[in-house]
Structure formats: C-alpha cells, structure tokens
C-alpha cells in the first residue's frame, strides 16, 4: 500500500502487519506532550515540528522503520524525509496511533505503564478515536 496525501508516495503498513514484525525501529512523530500521554510500546519520540535527523543517527539505513503520528499526515512527511535521506525500509503506519488504539492494541505512558488514555491532538480530532479516555 502507498500513501500519497502530500503529493509524494510513501509505503504504508497496516496495524495487523506491523504487529507481526520483529526487530523494527518505531518512531512517534507527535510532539512530546502527546507522546507522554500514550504511545506504542518501545516507540522513540522524534517529534514533528523540531524533527532532526540526529535523533535517529543510530538507526541503520537498512533497518525496518515504522513511523506514526495521530492519523498519518505528520508521519507521512517524516517518512518522506527518511526515504530521501536513504532509508530503504520505511513505512507509515496506516491510520497511525488512532488505528492502533481503536483496534484494541495497548498504549503506554512515558513511565512505561499501560494506559487507556489517548492524546487526540484536538477536540475535533477526538471523533476518530472510538475507545478509551480522550486527552487533548
């Protein structure tokens, strides 16, 4: 599957396919206040507004990298940057953390404890989340 919301093609991966992968790097492109409320386990918060390639210097260009945000737009743009830089196996998580969470998958607070809270970015975007406690 390929996303082209912003005029460029970025490979996507479904939640179900992502769940079966091992040895992947997971990047959360939301801002730190969103990440602290909840994130996918072992995700590295790299942000969007102040994204800097130095935050991922240790990830090999040949590694599998899964990127997400709230619904997929910010992560798609970061995926595009990674691909332009030379990363070979970059995937935007289709539906991002909202899709992950809506499908009953766990999310974790910054202290590592599982939570039922999800940061919905704004009150308007909260309509795309159908479970848990919505925070914005």
N, C-alpha and C. Protein backbone atom coordinates (compact mmCIF):
# COMPACT_ATOMS: atom_id res chain seq x y z
N UNK A 1 0.85 -1.17 0.00
CA UNK A 1 0.00 0.00 0.00
C UNK A 1 0.90 1.24 0.00
N UNK A 2 0.47 2.28 -0.71
CA UNK A 2 1.26 3.51 -0.80
C UNK A 2 0.36 4.70 -0.50
N UNK A 3 0.82 5.59 0.36
CA UNK A 3 0.13 6.83 0.71
C UNK A 3 0.68 7.96 -0.15
N UNK A 4 -0.19 8.83 -0.63
CA UNK A 4 0.31 9.99 -1.36
C UNK A 4 -0.50 11.24 -1.03
N UNK A 5 -0.82 11.42 0.23
CA UNK A 5 -1.59 12.58 0.68
C UNK A 5 -0.92 13.90 0.34
N UNK A 6 0.38 13.93 0.38
CA UNK A 6 1.11 15.19 0.21
C UNK A 6 1.78 15.31 -1.15
N UNK A 7 1.36 14.51 -2.10
CA UNK A 7 1.94 14.61 -3.41
C UNK A 7 3.19 13.76 -3.61
N UNK A 8 3.52 12.93 -2.64
CA UNK A 8 4.65 12.02 -2.79
C UNK A 8 4.26 10.66 -2.24
N UNK A 9 4.84 9.62 -2.78
CA UNK A 9 4.48 8.26 -2.40
C UNK A 9 5.31 7.77 -1.22
N UNK A 10 4.64 7.24 -0.23
CA UNK A 10 5.29 6.67 0.94
C UNK A 10 4.66 5.31 1.20
N UNK A 11 5.44 4.25 1.35
CA UNK A 11 4.87 2.94 1.66
C UNK A 11 4.16 2.96 3.01
N UNK A 12 3.04 2.25 3.09
CA UNK A 12 2.32 2.13 4.35
C UNK A 12 2.30 0.68 4.81
N UNK A 13 2.00 0.50 6.08
CA UNK A 13 1.86 -0.83 6.65
C UNK A 13 0.62 -0.81 7.53
N UNK A 14 -0.14 -1.88 7.50
CA UNK A 14 -1.35 -1.96 8.33
C UNK A 14 -0.96 -2.31 9.76
N UNK A 15 -1.89 -2.05 10.66
CA UNK A 15 -1.69 -2.40 12.06
C UNK A 15 -1.44 -3.90 12.19
N UNK A 16 -2.25 -4.72 11.52
CA UNK A 16 -2.08 -6.18 11.62
C UNK A 16 -0.72 -6.64 11.13
N UNK A 17 -0.24 -6.09 10.03
CA UNK A 17 1.08 -6.48 9.52
C UNK A 17 2.18 -6.02 10.46
N UNK A 18 2.06 -4.81 10.98
CA UNK A 18 3.05 -4.27 11.91
C UNK A 18 3.18 -5.12 13.17
N UNK A 19 2.06 -5.62 13.68
CA UNK A 19 2.07 -6.39 14.93
C UNK A 19 2.92 -7.66 14.81
N UNK A 20 3.10 -8.17 13.61
CA UNK A 20 3.84 -9.42 13.42
C UNK A 20 5.33 -9.22 13.15
N UNK A 21 5.76 -7.98 13.04
CA UNK A 21 7.17 -7.70 12.76
C UNK A 21 8.01 -7.73 14.03
N UNK A 22 9.24 -8.12 13.88
CA UNK A 22 10.21 -8.09 14.98
C UNK A 22 11.42 -7.29 14.50
N UNK A 23 12.20 -6.81 15.44
CA UNK A 23 13.42 -6.08 15.13
C UNK A 23 13.17 -4.87 14.23
N UNK A 24 12.22 -4.05 14.64
CA UNK A 24 11.93 -2.82 13.91
C UNK A 24 12.18 -1.63 14.82
N UNK A 25 12.42 -0.50 14.20
CA UNK A 25 12.51 0.77 14.92
C UNK A 25 11.17 1.46 14.73
N UNK A 26 10.59 1.95 15.82
CA UNK A 26 9.29 2.61 15.76
C UNK A 26 9.49 4.07 16.16
N UNK A 27 9.07 4.97 15.28
CA UNK A 27 9.22 6.40 15.52
C UNK A 27 7.86 7.07 15.69
N UNK A 28 7.71 7.79 16.78
CA UNK A 28 6.50 8.56 17.06
C UNK A 28 6.79 10.01 16.69
N UNK A 29 6.09 10.52 15.70
CA UNK A 29 6.37 11.88 15.21
C UNK A 29 5.46 12.94 15.83
N UNK A 30 4.73 12.56 16.86
CA UNK A 30 3.92 13.55 17.56
C UNK A 30 4.83 14.34 18.50
N UNK A 31 4.29 15.41 19.04
CA UNK A 31 5.08 16.22 19.97
C UNK A 31 5.14 15.53 21.33
N UNK A 32 6.09 15.93 22.15
CA UNK A 32 6.34 15.25 23.42
C UNK A 32 5.13 15.22 24.34
N UNK A 33 4.31 16.27 24.35
CA UNK A 33 3.13 16.25 25.22
C UNK A 33 2.13 15.18 24.79
N UNK A 34 2.06 14.87 23.51
CA UNK A 34 1.19 13.80 23.01
C UNK A 34 1.78 12.44 23.38
N UNK A 35 3.07 12.30 23.17
CA UNK A 35 3.79 11.06 23.45
C UNK A 35 3.69 10.68 24.93
N UNK A 36 3.80 11.67 25.81
CA UNK A 36 3.77 11.40 27.25
C UNK A 36 2.43 10.85 27.70
N UNK A 37 1.34 11.24 27.06
CA UNK A 37 0.01 10.73 27.41
C UNK A 37 -0.06 9.24 27.07
N UNK A 38 0.36 8.88 25.85
CA UNK A 38 0.38 7.48 25.45
C UNK A 38 1.10 7.33 24.13
N UNK A 39 1.71 6.17 23.97
CA UNK A 39 2.44 5.85 22.74
C UNK A 39 2.52 4.34 22.58
N UNK A 40 2.92 3.90 21.42
CA UNK A 40 3.13 2.48 21.16
C UNK A 40 4.40 2.06 21.88
N UNK A 41 4.36 0.89 22.50
CA UNK A 41 5.50 0.40 23.28
C UNK A 41 6.79 0.43 22.47
N UNK A 42 7.84 0.89 23.10
CA UNK A 42 9.19 0.98 22.54
C UNK A 42 9.34 2.00 21.41
N UNK A 43 8.34 2.85 21.23
CA UNK A 43 8.45 3.90 20.20
C UNK A 43 9.40 4.99 20.69
N UNK A 44 10.14 5.54 19.77
CA UNK A 44 11.05 6.64 20.06
C UNK A 44 10.38 7.93 19.62
N UNK A 45 10.23 8.86 20.54
CA UNK A 45 9.61 10.14 20.20
C UNK A 45 10.63 11.03 19.48
N UNK A 46 10.34 11.33 18.23
CA UNK A 46 11.23 12.18 17.43
C UNK A 46 10.60 13.52 17.09
N UNK A 47 9.32 13.68 17.39
CA UNK A 47 8.63 14.94 17.13
C UNK A 47 8.43 15.21 15.66
N UNK A 48 7.76 16.32 15.41
CA UNK A 48 7.49 16.74 14.04
C UNK A 48 7.99 18.16 13.79
N UNK A 49 7.56 19.07 14.62
CA UNK A 49 7.92 20.48 14.43
C UNK A 49 9.44 20.66 14.46
N UNK A 50 10.09 20.02 15.40
CA UNK A 50 11.54 20.17 15.55
C UNK A 50 12.28 18.88 15.19
N UNK A 51 11.71 18.10 14.27
CA UNK A 51 12.37 16.85 13.88
C UNK A 51 13.77 17.13 13.36
N UNK A 52 14.71 16.32 13.81
CA UNK A 52 16.12 16.47 13.44
C UNK A 52 16.68 15.07 13.17
N UNK A 53 17.31 14.87 12.04
CA UNK A 53 17.87 13.57 11.68
C UNK A 53 18.86 13.05 12.72
N UNK A 54 19.44 13.95 13.51
CA UNK A 54 20.38 13.50 14.54
C UNK A 54 19.70 12.65 15.60
N UNK A 55 18.37 12.73 15.71
CA UNK A 55 17.62 11.93 16.68
C UNK A 55 17.59 10.46 16.29
N UNK A 56 17.95 10.16 15.05
CA UNK A 56 17.89 8.76 14.59
C UNK A 56 19.23 8.30 14.02
N UNK A 57 20.30 8.98 14.40
CA UNK A 57 21.63 8.69 13.85
C UNK A 57 22.04 7.23 14.01
N UNK A 58 21.53 6.57 15.04
CA UNK A 58 21.94 5.20 15.34
C UNK A 58 21.13 4.14 14.58
N UNK A 59 20.14 4.56 13.82
CA UNK A 59 19.32 3.59 13.08
C UNK A 59 19.96 3.36 11.71
N UNK A 60 20.34 2.12 11.42
CA UNK A 60 20.96 1.82 10.13
C UNK A 60 20.01 2.12 8.96
N UNK A 61 20.57 2.53 7.84
CA UNK A 61 19.77 2.83 6.65
C UNK A 61 19.02 1.60 6.13
N UNK A 62 19.47 0.41 6.49
CA UNK A 62 18.84 -0.83 6.04
C UNK A 62 17.81 -1.37 7.03
N UNK A 63 17.64 -0.72 8.16
CA UNK A 63 16.68 -1.18 9.18
C UNK A 63 15.24 -0.96 8.72
N UNK A 64 14.33 -1.74 9.28
CA UNK A 64 12.91 -1.51 9.06
C UNK A 64 12.45 -0.46 10.06
N UNK A 65 11.83 0.60 9.54
CA UNK A 65 11.40 1.72 10.38
C UNK A 65 9.91 1.95 10.17
N UNK A 66 9.15 1.90 11.25
CA UNK A 66 7.72 2.16 11.22
C UNK A 66 7.51 3.54 11.86
N UNK A 67 6.78 4.39 11.18
CA UNK A 67 6.59 5.77 11.63
C UNK A 67 5.09 6.03 11.82
N UNK A 68 4.74 6.71 12.92
CA UNK A 68 3.34 7.04 13.14
C UNK A 68 3.20 8.40 13.82
N UNK A 69 1.96 8.91 13.77
CA UNK A 69 1.57 10.12 14.49
C UNK A 69 0.15 9.86 15.01
N UNK A 70 -0.76 10.81 14.85
CA UNK A 70 -2.15 10.59 15.28
C UNK A 70 -2.94 9.85 14.21
N UNK A 71 -2.96 10.39 12.98
CA UNK A 71 -3.72 9.76 11.90
C UNK A 71 -2.87 9.43 10.67
N UNK A 72 -1.68 9.97 10.58
CA UNK A 72 -0.79 9.60 9.48
C UNK A 72 -0.20 10.71 8.64
N UNK A 73 -0.64 11.94 8.83
CA UNK A 73 -0.13 13.02 7.98
C UNK A 73 1.28 13.46 8.38
N UNK A 74 1.49 13.75 9.65
CA UNK A 74 2.83 14.16 10.09
C UNK A 74 3.83 13.03 9.86
N UNK A 75 3.43 11.81 10.16
CA UNK A 75 4.35 10.68 9.97
C UNK A 75 4.68 10.46 8.50
N UNK A 76 3.72 10.72 7.63
CA UNK A 76 3.99 10.58 6.20
C UNK A 76 5.09 11.54 5.77
N UNK A 77 5.03 12.75 6.26
CA UNK A 77 6.05 13.75 5.90
C UNK A 77 7.43 13.36 6.43
N UNK A 78 7.48 12.80 7.64
CA UNK A 78 8.77 12.35 8.19
C UNK A 78 9.26 11.14 7.41
N UNK A 79 8.36 10.23 7.04
CA UNK A 79 8.75 9.08 6.20
C UNK A 79 9.42 9.57 4.92
N UNK A 80 8.84 10.56 4.31
CA UNK A 80 9.39 11.10 3.07
C UNK A 80 10.81 11.61 3.29
N UNK A 81 11.04 12.30 4.40
CA UNK A 81 12.40 12.78 4.73
C UNK A 81 13.36 11.61 4.89
N UNK A 82 12.91 10.57 5.58
CA UNK A 82 13.78 9.40 5.80
C UNK A 82 14.14 8.72 4.48
N UNK A 83 13.17 8.58 3.62
CA UNK A 83 13.40 7.94 2.32
C UNK A 83 14.37 8.79 1.49
N UNK A 84 14.18 10.11 1.48
CA UNK A 84 15.08 10.99 0.74
C UNK A 84 16.50 10.91 1.29
N UNK A 85 16.64 10.63 2.57
CA UNK A 85 17.95 10.53 3.21
C UNK A 85 18.65 9.21 2.88
N UNK A 86 17.88 8.21 2.45
CA UNK A 86 18.49 6.94 2.07
C UNK A 86 18.01 5.73 2.85
N UNK A 87 17.03 5.90 3.73
CA UNK A 87 16.49 4.74 4.44
C UNK A 87 15.71 3.89 3.45
N UNK A 88 15.92 2.58 3.52
CA UNK A 88 15.40 1.67 2.50
C UNK A 88 14.07 1.02 2.84
N UNK A 89 13.76 0.87 4.14
CA UNK A 89 12.57 0.13 4.56
C UNK A 89 11.76 0.95 5.55
N UNK A 90 11.17 2.02 5.06
CA UNK A 90 10.39 2.96 5.88
C UNK A 90 8.92 2.79 5.55
N UNK A 91 8.09 2.69 6.60
CA UNK A 91 6.66 2.51 6.41
C UNK A 91 5.88 3.45 7.33
N UNK A 92 4.86 4.08 6.77
CA UNK A 92 3.94 4.89 7.54
C UNK A 92 2.84 3.94 8.06
N UNK A 93 2.60 3.96 9.36
CA UNK A 93 1.57 3.10 9.94
C UNK A 93 0.19 3.62 9.54
N UNK A 94 -0.51 2.83 8.75
CA UNK A 94 -1.81 3.24 8.23
C UNK A 94 -2.78 3.54 9.39
N UNK A 95 -3.31 4.77 9.42
CA UNK A 95 -4.22 5.18 10.49
C UNK A 95 -3.52 5.57 11.78
N UNK A 96 -2.21 5.34 11.81
CA UNK A 96 -1.34 5.73 12.93
C UNK A 96 -1.86 5.26 14.28
N UNK A 97 -1.57 6.00 15.35
CA UNK A 97 -1.89 5.52 16.69
C UNK A 97 -3.40 5.42 16.92
N UNK A 98 -4.20 6.24 16.21
CA UNK A 98 -5.65 6.13 16.36
C UNK A 98 -6.12 4.74 15.89
N UNK A 99 -5.64 4.31 14.74
CA UNK A 99 -6.00 2.99 14.21
C UNK A 99 -5.49 1.89 15.14
N UNK A 100 -4.27 2.03 15.61
CA UNK A 100 -3.66 1.07 16.54
C UNK A 100 -4.55 0.92 17.78
N UNK A 101 -4.90 2.04 18.38
CA UNK A 101 -5.68 2.06 19.61
C UNK A 101 -7.12 1.59 19.38
N UNK A 102 -7.74 2.05 18.31
CA UNK A 102 -9.12 1.64 18.00
C UNK A 102 -9.25 0.14 17.79
N UNK A 103 -8.16 -0.50 17.39
CA UNK A 103 -8.17 -1.96 17.19
C UNK A 103 -7.83 -2.73 18.45
N UNK A 104 -7.82 -2.04 19.59
CA UNK A 104 -7.64 -2.72 20.87
C UNK A 104 -6.21 -3.00 21.28
N UNK A 105 -5.26 -2.38 20.61
CA UNK A 105 -3.85 -2.60 20.94
C UNK A 105 -3.43 -1.67 22.08
N UNK A 106 -2.47 -2.10 22.88
CA UNK A 106 -2.08 -1.33 24.06
C UNK A 106 -1.25 -0.10 23.73
N UNK A 107 -1.40 0.91 24.58
CA UNK A 107 -0.56 2.10 24.54
C UNK A 107 -0.03 2.33 25.95
N UNK A 108 1.08 3.06 26.04
CA UNK A 108 1.79 3.21 27.30
C UNK A 108 2.12 4.66 27.59
N UNK A 109 2.09 4.98 28.88
CA UNK A 109 2.50 6.31 29.33
C UNK A 109 4.03 6.39 29.27
N UNK A 110 4.57 7.58 29.46
CA UNK A 110 6.03 7.75 29.39
C UNK A 110 6.75 6.98 30.50
N UNK A 111 6.04 6.61 31.58
CA UNK A 111 6.67 5.81 32.64
C UNK A 111 6.62 4.31 32.36
N UNK A 112 6.10 3.93 31.18
CA UNK A 112 6.07 2.53 30.78
C UNK A 112 4.83 1.76 31.21
N UNK A 113 3.91 2.41 31.89
CA UNK A 113 2.69 1.75 32.36
C UNK A 113 1.60 1.85 31.29
N UNK A 114 0.93 0.73 31.05
CA UNK A 114 -0.16 0.72 30.07
C UNK A 114 -1.26 1.66 30.53
N UNK A 115 -1.93 2.30 29.57
CA UNK A 115 -2.96 3.28 29.88
C UNK A 115 -4.14 3.14 28.93
N UNK A 116 -5.28 3.68 29.34
CA UNK A 116 -6.45 3.74 28.46
C UNK A 116 -6.63 5.14 27.91
N UNK A 117 -5.67 6.03 28.18
CA UNK A 117 -5.72 7.38 27.65
C UNK A 117 -5.09 7.46 26.28
N UNK A 118 -5.63 8.35 25.46
CA UNK A 118 -5.07 8.58 24.14
C UNK A 118 -5.13 10.08 23.86
N UNK A 119 -4.01 10.62 23.41
CA UNK A 119 -3.99 12.04 23.06
C UNK A 119 -4.60 12.18 21.68
N UNK A 120 -5.66 12.97 21.57
CA UNK A 120 -6.39 13.07 20.30
C UNK A 120 -6.02 14.31 19.49
N UNK A 121 -4.96 14.98 19.84
CA UNK A 121 -4.44 16.14 19.13
C UNK A 121 -5.32 17.37 19.39
N UNK A 122 -6.58 17.31 19.00
CA UNK A 122 -7.54 18.38 19.30
C UNK A 122 -8.88 17.75 19.62
N UNK A 123 -9.78 18.56 20.12
CA UNK A 123 -11.14 18.08 20.42
C UNK A 123 -11.81 17.60 19.13
N UNK A 124 -11.59 18.30 18.04
CA UNK A 124 -12.20 17.93 16.76
C UNK A 124 -11.71 16.57 16.28
N UNK A 125 -10.43 16.30 16.47
CA UNK A 125 -9.87 15.03 16.02
C UNK A 125 -10.28 13.86 16.91
N UNK A 126 -10.81 14.15 18.10
CA UNK A 126 -11.23 13.11 19.04
C UNK A 126 -12.30 12.20 18.45
N UNK A 127 -13.05 12.70 17.46
CA UNK A 127 -14.11 11.89 16.85
C UNK A 127 -13.57 10.64 16.15
N UNK A 128 -12.26 10.63 15.85
CA UNK A 128 -11.66 9.49 15.16
C UNK A 128 -11.22 8.38 16.12
N UNK A 129 -11.36 8.62 17.41
CA UNK A 129 -11.00 7.62 18.42
C UNK A 129 -12.29 7.08 19.01
N UNK A 130 -12.47 5.76 19.01
CA UNK A 130 -13.73 5.19 19.46
C UNK A 130 -13.66 4.40 20.76
N UNK A 131 -12.59 4.62 21.55
CA UNK A 131 -12.48 3.94 22.85
C UNK A 131 -11.53 4.72 23.74
N UNK A 132 -11.47 4.33 25.00
CA UNK A 132 -10.52 4.93 25.93
C UNK A 132 -10.88 6.34 26.37
N UNK A 133 -9.97 6.94 27.13
CA UNK A 133 -10.12 8.30 27.62
C UNK A 133 -9.38 9.24 26.70
N UNK A 134 -10.10 10.20 26.15
CA UNK A 134 -9.52 11.13 25.18
C UNK A 134 -8.93 12.33 25.89
N UNK A 135 -7.69 12.64 25.56
CA UNK A 135 -6.96 13.78 26.14
C UNK A 135 -6.55 14.68 24.99
N UNK A 136 -6.70 15.99 25.17
CA UNK A 136 -6.25 16.94 24.14
C UNK A 136 -5.83 18.23 24.77
